[in-house]
């Protein structure tokens, strides 16, 4: 079955988490490729600066501030954008990782991570899928992570939240493709952003942000279900996660990763 791939002539792109990091870079790259991009995040000043930076590009960036954890406001925002132009491509990137204190497992920061990374994605899928399904075409890309392939130390909330959106994307694909809507999962490895700057553990095969966003946008244009990079790290993670648990745990003990 041939599924839809978004083009600027078909409508706008919508990027969440667009005030920094991969979301910001992806919004700019899509504007370079001719899209009108509605950029969503909570920080209005950052979105306005992003729109200024995009001036002179083939496309443009329109600030569309909102909090992805507010389901009603996201639905209202989506309807307002659709009243102006159809959204052909939704890139659901908003996310983060917040750690609780070691004696507060599953606390406020655990809940915050899931509220943004999982419920926030679901809040955005809801209006996007409904509108695209009604038109019989559209493209939804959800940003996960290679860390979501399986459990690892130091990612007690972030890792499971990304595993959840990978599973969500797989399941959603079955429903969406029956209506001509393409669903993709984007699984990057480590990317040089503010999110990784504070990591206190090794970040192998880390990719510059500009290179990462080009790979993301190339993958969106190419189609296919999963966009993952860097390839060597993705293969390594897959290999490690396929080990029997005794070998898996022994490996991490030998690496002294805690």
Protein backbone atom coordinates (compact mmCIF):
# COMPACT_ATOMS: atom_id res chain seq x y z
CA UNK A 1 0.00 0.00 0.00
CA UNK A 2 1.43 3.40 -1.01
CA UNK A 3 1.00 5.91 1.78
CA UNK A 4 1.01 9.67 1.58
CA UNK A 5 4.18 11.77 1.90
CA UNK A 6 3.60 15.42 2.71
CA UNK A 7 4.56 18.18 0.29
CA UNK A 8 4.45 21.95 0.84
CA UNK A 9 1.82 22.34 -1.87
CA UNK A 10 -0.56 20.14 0.15
CA UNK A 11 -0.60 22.23 3.31
CA UNK A 12 1.37 23.26 6.35
CA UNK A 13 3.65 21.41 8.73
CA UNK A 14 3.09 21.48 12.49
CA UNK A 15 6.06 20.95 14.81
CA UNK A 16 5.73 20.66 18.58
CA UNK A 17 8.59 21.26 20.99
CA UNK A 18 9.82 23.84 18.50
CA UNK A 19 11.45 26.31 20.88
CA UNK A 20 14.75 24.43 21.19
CA UNK A 21 16.80 21.43 20.14
CA UNK A 22 15.53 18.99 17.53
CA UNK A 23 12.12 20.65 17.28
CA UNK A 24 13.60 24.05 16.58
CA UNK A 25 16.01 22.64 14.03
CA UNK A 26 13.32 20.57 12.33
CA UNK A 27 11.02 23.58 12.01
CA UNK A 28 13.80 25.57 10.33
CA UNK A 29 14.76 22.71 8.02
CA UNK A 30 11.16 22.20 6.91
CA UNK A 31 10.91 25.93 6.21
CA UNK A 32 14.07 25.64 4.12
CA UNK A 33 12.28 22.93 2.15
CA UNK A 34 9.33 25.20 1.42
CA UNK A 35 6.84 24.41 4.17
CA UNK A 36 4.83 26.90 6.13
CA UNK A 37 5.56 25.62 9.62
CA UNK A 38 3.34 26.23 12.63
CA UNK A 39 5.75 26.02 15.55
CA UNK A 40 4.36 25.06 18.95
CA UNK A 41 5.96 25.34 22.38
CA UNK A 42 5.23 27.20 25.60
CA UNK A 43 7.98 29.84 25.22
CA UNK A 44 6.45 32.55 23.05
CA UNK A 45 9.62 34.64 22.86
CA UNK A 46 11.63 31.70 21.49
CA UNK A 47 8.98 31.01 18.86
CA UNK A 48 8.95 34.66 17.78
CA UNK A 49 12.74 34.61 17.46
CA UNK A 50 12.49 31.40 15.43
CA UNK A 51 10.05 33.06 13.03
CA UNK A 52 12.48 35.95 12.54
CA UNK A 53 15.34 33.53 11.87
CA UNK A 54 13.27 31.85 9.16
CA UNK A 55 12.72 35.07 7.23
CA UNK A 56 14.10 34.77 3.71
CA UNK A 57 13.69 31.00 3.56
CA UNK A 58 11.49 29.40 0.87
CA UNK A 59 8.90 28.66 3.56
CA UNK A 60 8.00 30.46 6.76
CA UNK A 61 7.50 29.79 10.47
CA UNK A 62 4.34 30.90 12.26
CA UNK A 63 4.45 30.91 16.08
CA UNK A 64 1.63 28.80 17.53
CA UNK A 65 2.27 28.73 21.28
CA UNK A 66 0.56 26.09 23.39
CA UNK A 67 1.23 23.50 26.10
CA UNK A 68 0.96 19.96 24.72
CA UNK A 69 -0.18 18.67 28.11
CA UNK A 70 -3.40 20.69 27.81
CA UNK A 71 -5.63 18.51 25.63
CA UNK A 72 -8.40 21.08 25.19
CA UNK A 73 -6.06 23.92 24.23
CA UNK A 74 -4.19 21.71 21.75
CA UNK A 75 -7.45 20.74 20.10
CA UNK A 76 -8.46 24.40 19.91
CA UNK A 77 -5.07 25.40 18.46
CA UNK A 78 -5.25 22.67 15.82
CA UNK A 79 -8.71 23.80 14.76
CA UNK A 80 -7.48 27.40 14.46
CA UNK A 81 -4.58 26.34 12.23
CA UNK A 82 -6.83 24.14 10.10
CA UNK A 83 -9.19 27.07 9.62
CA UNK A 84 -6.28 28.81 7.86
CA UNK A 85 -4.70 25.88 6.03
CA UNK A 86 -4.76 22.07 6.21
CA UNK A 87 -1.94 20.48 8.16
CA UNK A 88 -0.29 17.96 5.85
CA UNK A 89 2.53 16.98 8.23
CA UNK A 90 2.55 16.80 12.03
CA UNK A 91 5.92 16.30 13.74
CA UNK A 92 5.22 15.52 17.39
CA UNK A 93 8.54 16.26 19.01
CA UNK A 94 7.73 17.89 22.36
CA UNK A 95 9.42 15.96 25.13
CA UNK A 96 11.98 15.97 27.86
CA UNK A 97 13.45 14.02 30.71
CA UNK A 98 13.26 15.06 34.34
CA UNK A 99 14.75 13.06 37.20
CA UNK A 100 13.44 12.57 40.70
CA UNK A 101 15.68 12.37 43.72
CA UNK A 102 17.02 8.88 44.36
CA UNK A 103 14.68 8.47 47.35
CA UNK A 104 11.59 9.63 45.43
CA UNK A 105 11.16 7.06 42.68
CA UNK A 106 8.09 7.70 40.52
CA UNK A 107 7.62 11.18 41.95
CA UNK A 108 6.70 14.52 40.41
CA UNK A 109 9.38 14.46 37.71
CA UNK A 110 8.44 10.93 36.66
CA UNK A 111 4.85 12.08 36.24
CA UNK A 112 5.97 15.22 34.40
CA UNK A 113 8.03 13.17 31.94
CA UNK A 114 5.09 10.92 31.10
CA UNK A 115 2.68 13.87 30.95
CA UNK A 116 4.79 15.54 28.23
CA UNK A 117 6.36 12.58 26.41
CA UNK A 118 3.34 10.27 26.28
CA UNK A 119 0.11 12.08 27.12
CA UNK A 120 1.37 15.16 25.25
CA UNK A 121 1.87 13.05 22.13
CA UNK A 122 -1.60 11.52 22.49
CA UNK A 123 -3.11 14.99 22.92
CA UNK A 124 -1.58 16.04 19.59
CA UNK A 125 -2.37 12.82 17.74
CA UNK A 126 -6.05 13.23 18.60
CA UNK A 127 -6.89 16.28 16.42
CA UNK A 128 -4.27 15.47 13.77
CA UNK A 129 -5.51 11.94 13.13
CA UNK A 130 -9.15 13.02 13.09
CA UNK A 131 -8.54 15.77 10.53
CA UNK A 132 -6.22 13.71 8.32
CA UNK A 133 -8.48 10.67 8.44
CA UNK A 134 -11.41 12.80 7.31
CA UNK A 135 -9.38 14.06 4.32
CA UNK A 136 -7.97 10.64 3.52
CA UNK A 137 -4.35 11.79 3.64
CA UNK A 138 -1.76 13.14 6.03
CA UNK A 139 1.51 12.32 7.73
CA UNK A 140 2.19 12.06 11.47
CA UNK A 141 5.75 11.63 12.77
CA UNK A 142 6.31 10.91 16.46
CA UNK A 143 9.76 11.51 17.92
CA UNK A 144 10.90 8.64 20.13
CA UNK A 145 14.47 7.62 20.94
CA UNK A 146 16.80 4.66 20.51
CA UNK A 147 16.76 4.55 24.33
CA UNK A 148 13.14 3.42 24.01
CA UNK A 149 14.27 0.08 22.55
CA UNK A 150 14.74 -1.31 26.07
CA UNK A 151 15.61 -0.58 29.66
CA UNK A 152 18.92 1.08 30.47
CA UNK A 153 20.39 2.64 33.62
CA UNK A 154 19.77 6.32 34.37
CA UNK A 155 16.62 6.58 32.24
CA UNK A 156 13.91 5.44 34.63
CA UNK A 157 11.28 7.83 33.27
CA UNK A 158 12.66 8.97 29.91
CA UNK A 159 13.35 5.46 28.58
CA UNK A 160 9.94 3.97 29.44
CA UNK A 161 8.19 7.07 28.08
CA UNK A 162 9.96 6.68 24.75
CA UNK A 163 9.23 2.95 24.72
CA UNK A 164 5.57 3.90 25.15
CA UNK A 165 5.51 6.23 22.13
CA UNK A 166 7.30 3.65 19.96
CA UNK A 167 4.58 1.16 20.87
CA UNK A 168 1.93 3.84 20.32
CA UNK A 169 3.25 4.58 16.83
CA UNK A 170 3.30 0.90 15.88
CA UNK A 171 -0.28 0.41 16.99
CA UNK A 172 -1.45 3.68 15.45
CA UNK A 173 0.02 2.73 12.10
CA UNK A 174 -2.56 -0.03 11.63
CA UNK A 175 -5.48 2.34 12.17
CA UNK A 176 -4.05 5.29 10.24
CA UNK A 177 -2.94 3.47 7.09
CA UNK A 178 -6.48 2.28 6.43
CA UNK A 179 -7.37 5.94 5.88
CA UNK A 180 -4.33 6.93 3.82
CA UNK A 181 -2.47 8.52 6.74
CA UNK A 182 1.23 7.75 7.15
CA UNK A 183 2.55 7.28 10.70
CA UNK A 184 6.28 7.30 11.38
CA UNK A 185 8.47 6.94 14.44
CA UNK A 186 11.71 8.94 14.61
CA UNK A 187 14.30 7.27 16.87
CA UNK A 188 17.46 9.34 17.22
CA UNK A 189 20.43 8.43 19.31
CA UNK A 190 22.29 11.07 21.27
CA UNK A 191 22.06 14.54 19.71
CA UNK A 192 23.93 17.64 20.88
CA UNK A 193 21.11 19.65 22.47
CA UNK A 194 20.33 21.16 25.85
CA UNK A 195 18.73 17.82 26.78
CA UNK A 196 22.03 15.93 26.48
CA UNK A 197 24.32 18.73 27.68
CA UNK A 198 23.74 17.84 31.32
CA UNK A 199 24.18 14.08 30.96
CA UNK A 200 26.51 12.62 33.55
CA UNK A 201 27.16 9.44 31.59
CA UNK A 202 28.76 8.58 28.20
CA UNK A 203 26.89 9.60 25.02
CA UNK A 204 28.40 7.42 22.27
CA UNK A 205 28.04 8.32 18.59
CA UNK A 206 26.57 11.72 19.49
CA UNK A 207 25.32 13.65 16.43
CA UNK A 208 25.40 17.40 15.81
CA UNK A 209 21.91 18.90 15.89
CA UNK A 210 22.04 20.30 12.33
CA UNK A 211 23.00 16.90 10.93
CA UNK A 212 20.27 15.22 12.98
CA UNK A 213 17.48 17.46 11.70
CA UNK A 214 18.56 16.89 8.10
CA UNK A 215 18.34 13.15 8.69
CA UNK A 216 14.91 13.56 10.23
CA UNK A 217 13.57 15.64 7.36
CA UNK A 218 15.13 13.33 4.78
CA UNK A 219 13.38 10.43 6.50
CA UNK A 220 10.05 12.26 6.51
CA UNK A 221 10.37 12.90 2.78
CA UNK A 222 11.51 9.35 2.02
CA UNK A 223 8.72 7.59 3.91
CA UNK A 224 9.03 4.25 5.63
CA UNK A 225 7.93 3.61 9.19
CA UNK A 226 11.08 4.22 11.23
CA UNK A 227 13.66 6.98 10.90
CA UNK A 228 16.63 6.05 13.07
CA UNK A 229 20.19 7.28 13.41
CA UNK A 230 23.09 7.01 13.78
CA UNK A 231 22.99 3.60 12.13
CA UNK A 232 25.93 2.08 14.00
CA UNK A 233 24.51 3.06 17.37
CA UNK A 234 21.03 1.83 16.42
CA UNK A 235 22.45 -1.57 15.45
CA UNK A 236 24.52 -1.70 18.65
CA UNK A 237 21.50 -0.89 20.82
CA UNK A 238 19.43 -3.54 19.03
CA UNK A 239 22.19 -6.08 19.56
CA UNK A 240 22.59 -5.29 23.25
CA UNK A 241 18.84 -5.38 23.86
CA UNK A 242 18.62 -8.81 22.18
CA UNK A 243 21.04 -10.36 24.69
CA UNK A 244 19.66 -12.77 27.28
CA UNK A 245 19.12 -10.89 30.53
CA UNK A 246 22.05 -12.50 32.40
CA UNK A 247 24.44 -11.32 29.66
CA UNK A 248 22.73 -7.93 29.40
CA UNK A 249 23.10 -7.23 33.13
CA UNK A 250 26.65 -8.57 33.17
CA UNK A 251 27.59 -6.24 30.32
CA UNK A 252 26.36 -3.14 32.12
CA UNK A 253 28.01 -4.22 35.36
CA UNK A 254 31.31 -4.65 33.47
CA UNK A 255 30.88 -1.18 31.93
CA UNK A 256 30.19 0.21 35.43
CA UNK A 257 27.10 2.01 34.14
CA UNK A 258 24.77 2.98 36.98
